């Protein structure tokens, strides 16, 4: 009976935290820097010399 209560509590915890049955996260990976914000970077000769 105690094992059933424990298993049910673990299942609720995993579903609330988007984990699979083994406890691994299945949420989309977060990126450190969003790449979609940079649309265009102006480049001209002599930029490295400045």
PDB file of N, CA and C in Angstrom:
ATOM      1  N   UNK A   1       0.835  -1.199   0.000  1.00  0.00           N
ATOM      2  CA  UNK A   1       0.000   0.000   0.000  1.00  0.00           C
ATOM      3  C   UNK A   1       0.876   1.258   0.000  1.00  0.00           C
ATOM      4  N   UNK A   2       1.937   1.233   0.777  1.00  0.00           N
ATOM      5  CA  UNK A   2       2.840   2.383   0.829  1.00  0.00           C
ATOM      6  C   UNK A   2       3.540   2.595  -0.516  1.00  0.00           C
ATOM      7  N   UNK A   3       3.894   1.489  -1.185  1.00  0.00           N
ATOM      8  CA  UNK A   3       4.531   1.604  -2.496  1.00  0.00           C
ATOM      9  C   UNK A   3       3.596   2.237  -3.514  1.00  0.00           C
ATOM     10  N   UNK A   4       2.326   1.931  -3.453  1.00  0.00           N
ATOM     11  CA  UNK A   4       1.360   2.508  -4.389  1.00  0.00           C
ATOM     12  C   UNK A   4       1.233   4.013  -4.176  1.00  0.00           C
ATOM     13  N   UNK A   5       1.217   4.440  -2.923  1.00  0.00           N
ATOM     14  CA  UNK A   5       1.140   5.877  -2.616  1.00  0.00           C
ATOM     15  C   UNK A   5       2.401   6.577  -3.108  1.00  0.00           C
ATOM     16  N   UNK A   6       3.567   5.955  -2.888  1.00  0.00           N
ATOM     17  CA  UNK A   6       4.841   6.521  -3.337  1.00  0.00           C
ATOM     18  C   UNK A   6       4.881   6.630  -4.861  1.00  0.00           C
ATOM     19  N   UNK A   7       4.463   5.566  -5.549  1.00  0.00           N
ATOM     20  CA  UNK A   7       4.453   5.580  -7.015  1.00  0.00           C
ATOM     21  C   UNK A   7       3.523   6.654  -7.556  1.00  0.00           C
ATOM     22  N   UNK A   8       2.376   6.826  -6.931  1.00  0.00           N
ATOM     23  CA  UNK A   8       1.430   7.856  -7.369  1.00  0.00           C
ATOM     24  C   UNK A   8       2.008   9.254  -7.156  1.00  0.00           C
ATOM     25  N   UNK A   9       2.660   9.464  -6.022  1.00  0.00           N
ATOM     26  CA  UNK A   9       3.270  10.771  -5.747  1.00  0.00           C
ATOM     27  C   UNK A   9       4.394  11.066  -6.738  1.00  0.00           C
ATOM     28  N   UNK A  10       5.189  10.065  -7.082  1.00  0.00           N
ATOM     29  CA  UNK A  10       6.259  10.258  -8.071  1.00  0.00           C
ATOM     30  C   UNK A  10       5.689  10.566  -9.441  1.00  0.00           C
ATOM     31  N   UNK A  11       4.604   9.911  -9.809  1.00  0.00           N
ATOM     32  CA  UNK A  11       3.983  10.158 -11.109  1.00  0.00           C
ATOM     33  C   UNK A  11       3.458  11.583 -11.197  1.00  0.00           C
ATOM     34  N   UNK A  12       2.850  12.063 -10.126  1.00  0.00           N
ATOM     35  CA  UNK A  12       2.351  13.445 -10.105  1.00  0.00           C
ATOM     36  C   UNK A  12       3.513  14.421 -10.203  1.00  0.00           C
ATOM     37  N   UNK A  13       4.590  14.163  -9.461  1.00  0.00           N
ATOM     38  CA  UNK A  13       5.767  15.033  -9.502  1.00  0.00           C
ATOM     39  C   UNK A  13       6.356  15.091 -10.909  1.00  0.00           C
ATOM     40  N   UNK A  14       6.473  13.919 -11.551  1.00  0.00           N
ATOM     41  CA  UNK A  14       7.063  13.874 -12.895  1.00  0.00           C
ATOM     42  C   UNK A  14       6.205  14.612 -13.908  1.00  0.00           C
ATOM     43  N   UNK A  15       4.903  14.496 -13.817  1.00  0.00           N
ATOM     44  CA  UNK A  15       4.048  15.190 -14.784  1.00  0.00           C
ATOM     45  C   UNK A  15       4.064  16.693 -14.563  1.00  0.00           C
ATOM     46  N   UNK A  16       4.138  17.130 -13.322  1.00  0.00           N
ATOM     47  CA  UNK A  16       4.174  18.572 -13.053  1.00  0.00           C
ATOM     48  C   UNK A  16       5.487  19.201 -13.493  1.00  0.00           C
ATOM     49  N   UNK A  17       6.571  18.416 -13.499  1.00  0.00           N
ATOM     50  CA  UNK A  17       7.886  18.940 -13.860  1.00  0.00           C
ATOM     51  C   UNK A  17       8.324  18.519 -15.261  1.00  0.00           C
ATOM     52  N   UNK A  18       7.395  18.017 -16.066  1.00  0.00           N
ATOM     53  CA  UNK A  18       7.653  17.628 -17.462  1.00  0.00           C
ATOM     54  C   UNK A  18       8.788  16.610 -17.568  1.00  0.00           C
ATOM     55  N   UNK A  19       8.744  15.582 -16.724  1.00  0.00           N
ATOM     56  CA  UNK A  19       9.743  14.529 -16.753  1.00  0.00           C
ATOM     57  C   UNK A  19       9.122  13.254 -17.304  1.00  0.00           C
ATOM     58  N   UNK A  20       9.960  12.407 -17.925  1.00  0.00           N
ATOM     59  CA  UNK A  20       9.442  11.130 -18.404  1.00  0.00           C
ATOM     60  C   UNK A  20       9.487  10.104 -17.266  1.00  0.00           C
ATOM     61  N   UNK A  21       9.236   8.833 -17.572  1.00  0.00           N
ATOM     62  CA  UNK A  21       9.152   7.807 -16.529  1.00  0.00           C
ATOM     63  C   UNK A  21      10.481   7.565 -15.823  1.00  0.00           C
ATOM     64  N   UNK A  22      11.590   7.846 -16.507  1.00  0.00           N
ATOM     65  CA  UNK A  22      12.903   7.643 -15.895  1.00  0.00           C
ATOM     66  C   UNK A  22      13.396   8.878 -15.156  1.00  0.00           C
ATOM     67  N   UNK A  23      12.663   9.985 -15.242  1.00  0.00           N
ATOM     68  CA  UNK A  23      13.059  11.198 -14.548  1.00  0.00           C
ATOM     69  C   UNK A  23      13.847  12.172 -15.399  1.00  0.00           C
ATOM     70  N   UNK A  24      13.934  11.904 -16.714  1.00  0.00           N
ATOM     71  CA  UNK A  24      14.650  12.806 -17.606  1.00  0.00           C
ATOM     72  C   UNK A  24      13.729  13.914 -18.082  1.00  0.00           C
ATOM     73  N   UNK A  25      14.279  15.099 -18.229  1.00  0.00           N
ATOM     74  CA  UNK A  25      13.493  16.243 -18.676  1.00  0.00           C
ATOM     75  C   UNK A  25      13.223  16.136 -20.168  1.00  0.00           C
ATOM     76  N   UNK A  26      11.977  16.320 -20.560  1.00  0.00           N
ATOM     77  CA  UNK A  26      11.596  16.290 -21.967  1.00  0.00           C
ATOM     78  C   UNK A  26      11.153  17.668 -22.439  1.00  0.00           C
ATOM     79  N   UNK A  27      11.450  18.696 -21.654  1.00  0.00           N
ATOM     80  CA  UNK A  27      11.118  20.065 -22.049  1.00  0.00           C
ATOM     81  C   UNK A  27      12.084  20.504 -23.145  1.00  0.00           C
ATOM     82  N   UNK A  28      11.678  21.445 -23.977  1.00  0.00           N
ATOM     83  CA  UNK A  28      12.589  21.931 -25.021  1.00  0.00           C
ATOM     84  C   UNK A  28      13.860  22.527 -24.408  1.00  0.00           C
ATOM     85  N   UNK A  29      14.972  22.309 -25.089  1.00  0.00           N
ATOM     86  CA  UNK A  29      16.251  22.818 -24.591  1.00  0.00           C
ATOM     87  C   UNK A  29      16.275  24.338 -24.651  1.00  0.00           C
ATOM     88  N   UNK A  30      16.798  24.930 -23.586  1.00  0.00           N
ATOM     89  CA  UNK A  30      16.902  26.387 -23.540  1.00  0.00           C
ATOM     90  C   UNK A  30      18.246  26.806 -24.124  1.00  0.00           C
ATOM     91  N   UNK A  31      18.244  27.868 -24.902  1.00  0.00           N
ATOM     92  CA  UNK A  31      19.493  28.378 -25.449  1.00  0.00           C
ATOM     93  C   UNK A  31      20.016  29.492 -24.552  1.00  0.00           C
ATOM     94  N   UNK A  32      21.316  29.653 -24.527  1.00  0.00           N
ATOM     95  CA  UNK A  32      21.931  30.680 -23.694  1.00  0.00           C
ATOM     96  C   UNK A  32      21.661  32.056 -24.286  1.00  0.00           C
ATOM     97  N   UNK A  33      21.854  32.173 -25.590  1.00  0.00           N
ATOM     98  CA  UNK A  33      21.608  33.437 -26.279  1.00  0.00           C
ATOM     99  C   UNK A  33      20.607  33.192 -27.399  1.00  0.00           C
ATOM    100  N   UNK A  34      19.505  33.883 -27.392  1.00  0.00           N
ATOM    101  CA  UNK A  34      18.544  33.689 -28.486  1.00  0.00           C
ATOM    102  C   UNK A  34      19.136  34.160 -29.808  1.00  0.00           C
ATOM    103  N   UNK A  35      19.137  33.293 -30.796  1.00  0.00           N
ATOM    104  CA  UNK A  35      19.752  33.627 -32.079  1.00  0.00           C
ATOM    105  C   UNK A  35      18.796  34.377 -33.000  1.00  0.00           C
ATOM    106  N   UNK A  36      17.526  34.417 -32.683  1.00  0.00           N
ATOM    107  CA  UNK A  36      16.559  35.054 -33.573  1.00  0.00           C
ATOM    108  C   UNK A  36      16.529  36.574 -33.422  1.00  0.00           C
ATOM    109  N   UNK A  37      17.195  37.121 -32.398  1.00  0.00           N
ATOM    110  CA  UNK A  37      17.160  38.565 -32.178  1.00  0.00           C
ATOM    111  C   UNK A  37      18.089  39.330 -33.112  1.00  0.00           C
ATOM    112  N   UNK A  38      19.177  38.709 -33.571  1.00  0.00           N
ATOM    113  CA  UNK A  38      20.143  39.389 -34.425  1.00  0.00           C
ATOM    114  C   UNK A  38      19.715  39.202 -35.873  1.00  0.00           C
ATOM    115  N   UNK A  39      19.303  40.287 -36.510  1.00  0.00           N
ATOM    116  CA  UNK A  39      18.841  40.200 -37.888  1.00  0.00           C
ATOM    117  C   UNK A  39      19.949  40.567 -38.867  1.00  0.00           C
ATOM    118  N   UNK A  40      20.734  41.615 -38.572  1.00  0.00           N
ATOM    119  CA  UNK A  40      21.746  42.078 -39.511  1.00  0.00           C
ATOM    120  C   UNK A  40      22.863  42.772 -38.748  1.00  0.00           C
ATOM    121  N   UNK A  41      24.091  42.501 -39.142  1.00  0.00           N
ATOM    122  CA  UNK A  41      25.252  43.164 -38.559  1.00  0.00           C
ATOM    123  C   UNK A  41      25.991  43.865 -39.689  1.00  0.00           C
ATOM    124  N   UNK A  42      26.145  45.173 -39.573  1.00  0.00           N
ATOM    125  CA  UNK A  42      26.838  45.936 -40.611  1.00  0.00           C
ATOM    126  C   UNK A  42      28.332  45.645 -40.554  1.00  0.00           C
ATOM    127  N   UNK A  43      28.915  45.363 -41.711  1.00  0.00           N
ATOM    128  CA  UNK A  43      30.337  45.052 -41.816  1.00  0.00           C
ATOM    129  C   UNK A  43      30.963  46.009 -42.812  1.00  0.00           C
ATOM    130  N   UNK A  44      32.131  46.544 -42.435  1.00  0.00           N
ATOM    131  CA  UNK A  44      32.845  47.403 -43.382  1.00  0.00           C
ATOM    132  C   UNK A  44      34.341  47.188 -43.226  1.00  0.00           C
ATOM    133  N   UNK A  45      35.096  47.605 -44.210  1.00  0.00           N
ATOM    134  CA  UNK A  45      36.542  47.410 -44.204  1.00  0.00           C
ATOM    135  C   UNK A  45      37.171  48.183 -43.056  1.00  0.00           C
ATOM    136  N   UNK A  46      38.136  47.572 -42.402  1.00  0.00           N
ATOM    137  CA  UNK A  46      38.856  48.220 -41.326  1.00  0.00           C
ATOM    138  C   UNK A  46      38.204  48.097 -39.964  1.00  0.00           C
ATOM    139  N   UNK A  47      37.228  47.236 -39.805  1.00  0.00           N
ATOM    140  CA  UNK A  47      36.556  47.089 -38.506  1.00  0.00           C
ATOM    141  C   UNK A  47      37.509  46.574 -37.430  1.00  0.00           C
ATOM    142  N   UNK A  48      38.420  45.683 -37.791  1.00  0.00           N
ATOM    143  CA  UNK A  48      39.329  45.103 -36.811  1.00  0.00           C
ATOM    144  C   UNK A  48      40.354  46.116 -36.321  1.00  0.00           C
ATOM    145  N   UNK A  49      40.631  47.135 -37.104  1.00  0.00           N
ATOM    146  CA  UNK A  49      41.643  48.125 -36.740  1.00  0.00           C
ATOM    147  C   UNK A  49      41.115  49.134 -35.721  1.00  0.00           C
ATOM    148  N   UNK A  50      39.827  49.203 -35.528  1.00  0.00           N
ATOM    149  CA  UNK A  50      39.259  50.222 -34.639  1.00  0.00           C
ATOM    150  C   UNK A  50      39.400  49.869 -33.205  1.00  0.00           C
TER     151      UNK A  50
END
